[in-house]
Each structure stands twice: as C-alpha cells, then as structure tokens.
Amino acid sequence: MKRFDLRHLRNEPNSAVIERMGAILDQSVRPGEVAIFMFEVVDFGIVEQSAEAIRDRGDILMNSLRFNRVDWTLVVKRANACQA
C-alpha cells in the first residue's frame, strides 16, 4: 500500500488533479496494489469526478471519505492486468 499526498495541487483545476492521480497509478502502483490518495477539496465536484475517472480506468474505488474539514482520501486498488 502506498500513500500519495496531492494536497499541494489544491489550486489546480480538478482535471489536473485527476490526471496526476491517473499518472501516479500508471507509474507508481503495481496491478493489484492499493494506493491512498489525499487531496484538498475546494470544489466537491472533484470527489465525484475522481470516482468516475477511477471507474473508467477499470480500477477499484475501495473507499472515499472526508478526512477532516478540507481533506479527502480515496483508497484505490489498481486493476490487475487481466481485469483492465
């Protein structure tokens, strides 16, 4: 399990944060491995957009929860090569 802090991207558009999340999954997370993403919610649309992007990739959203007043965590299991 790996943890990735994306809170430094809080001033970026949602699409940039989601794109970065996908790049991390592709480059740093092995198939079948679990990743935890932490990001700051400025616009709650990012939560739904992130969940959709993960589903569209074929990965598994295991958990999505508010960590505190502004931070959100997503727990994602990268799809096995045979699942994707």
Protein backbone atom coordinates (compact mmCIF):
# COMPACT_ATOMS: atom_id res chain seq x y z
CA MET A 1 0.00 0.00 0.00
CA LYS A 2 1.30 3.41 -0.96
CA ARG A 3 0.12 6.86 0.06
CA PHE A 4 0.22 9.91 -2.20
CA ASP A 5 -0.39 13.44 -0.97
CA LEU A 6 -1.92 15.63 -3.68
CA ARG A 7 -2.91 18.49 -1.37
CA HIS A 8 -0.25 20.71 -2.92
CA LEU A 9 -2.40 20.70 -6.11
CA ARG A 10 -5.33 22.45 -4.36
CA ASN A 11 -5.12 25.49 -6.65
CA GLU A 12 -5.03 23.40 -9.83
CA PRO A 13 -8.16 22.56 -11.84
CA ASN A 14 -9.90 19.30 -10.92
CA SER A 15 -8.86 17.82 -14.25
CA ALA A 16 -5.17 18.35 -13.42
CA VAL A 17 -5.53 16.60 -10.05
CA ILE A 18 -7.37 13.67 -11.64
CA GLU A 19 -4.80 13.46 -14.43
CA ARG A 20 -1.98 13.38 -11.86
CA MET A 21 -3.79 10.63 -9.93
CA GLY A 22 -4.01 8.55 -13.11
CA ALA A 23 -0.34 9.13 -13.89
CA ILE A 24 0.63 8.01 -10.39
CA LEU A 25 -1.47 4.86 -10.72
CA ASP A 26 0.19 4.09 -14.07
CA GLN A 27 3.76 4.83 -12.98
CA SER A 28 4.00 4.05 -9.27
CA VAL A 29 1.35 1.47 -8.39
CA ARG A 30 1.58 -2.16 -9.47
CA PRO A 31 -1.51 -4.06 -10.63
CA GLY A 32 -3.35 -5.42 -7.59
CA GLU A 33 -1.67 -2.92 -5.26
CA VAL A 34 -3.64 -0.41 -3.14
CA ALA A 35 -2.97 3.34 -3.18
CA ILE A 36 -4.27 6.03 -0.87
CA PHE A 37 -4.69 9.49 -2.36
CA MET A 38 -5.11 12.52 -0.19
CA PHE A 39 -6.31 15.80 -1.67
CA GLU A 40 -7.85 19.05 -0.53
CA VAL A 41 -11.46 19.59 -1.54
CA VAL A 42 -12.01 23.11 -2.78
CA ASP A 43 -14.84 22.05 -5.10
CA PHE A 44 -16.76 18.90 -4.10
CA GLY A 45 -17.14 18.04 -7.78
CA ILE A 46 -13.65 16.57 -7.64
CA VAL A 47 -14.88 13.73 -5.42
CA GLU A 48 -17.42 12.52 -7.96
CA GLN A 49 -15.10 13.21 -10.90
CA SER A 50 -12.31 11.21 -9.25
CA ALA A 51 -14.60 8.25 -8.58
CA GLU A 52 -15.76 8.29 -12.20
CA ALA A 53 -12.19 8.51 -13.51
CA ILE A 54 -11.13 5.55 -11.36
CA ARG A 55 -14.10 3.50 -12.56
CA ASP A 56 -13.42 4.46 -16.19
CA ARG A 57 -9.82 3.26 -15.83
CA GLY A 58 -11.07 -0.10 -14.62
CA ASP A 59 -9.57 0.34 -11.16
CA ILE A 60 -11.48 -0.30 -7.93
CA LEU A 61 -12.52 2.51 -5.58
CA MET A 62 -12.36 0.81 -2.20
CA ASN A 63 -13.14 3.82 -0.01
CA SER A 64 -13.81 7.53 -0.28
CA LEU A 65 -14.04 9.62 2.85
CA ARG A 66 -13.62 13.02 4.32
CA PHE A 67 -10.50 13.07 6.45
CA ASN A 68 -11.11 16.43 8.14
CA ARG A 69 -12.80 19.70 7.17
CA VAL A 70 -10.97 20.11 3.87
CA ASP A 71 -9.05 16.91 3.12
CA TRP A 72 -10.41 13.87 1.33
CA THR A 73 -8.93 10.42 0.92
CA LEU A 74 -9.53 7.87 -1.79
CA VAL A 75 -8.42 4.27 -1.42
CA VAL A 76 -7.91 2.72 -4.84
CA LYS A 77 -6.91 -0.76 -5.86
CA ARG A 78 -5.21 -0.83 -9.23
CA ALA A 79 -6.79 -3.34 -11.56
CA ASN A 80 -4.87 -6.46 -12.37
CA ALA A 81 -3.66 -6.56 -15.96
CA CYS A 82 -6.26 -9.23 -16.75
CA GLN A 83 -9.08 -7.07 -15.27
CA ALA A 84 -8.30 -3.89 -17.20
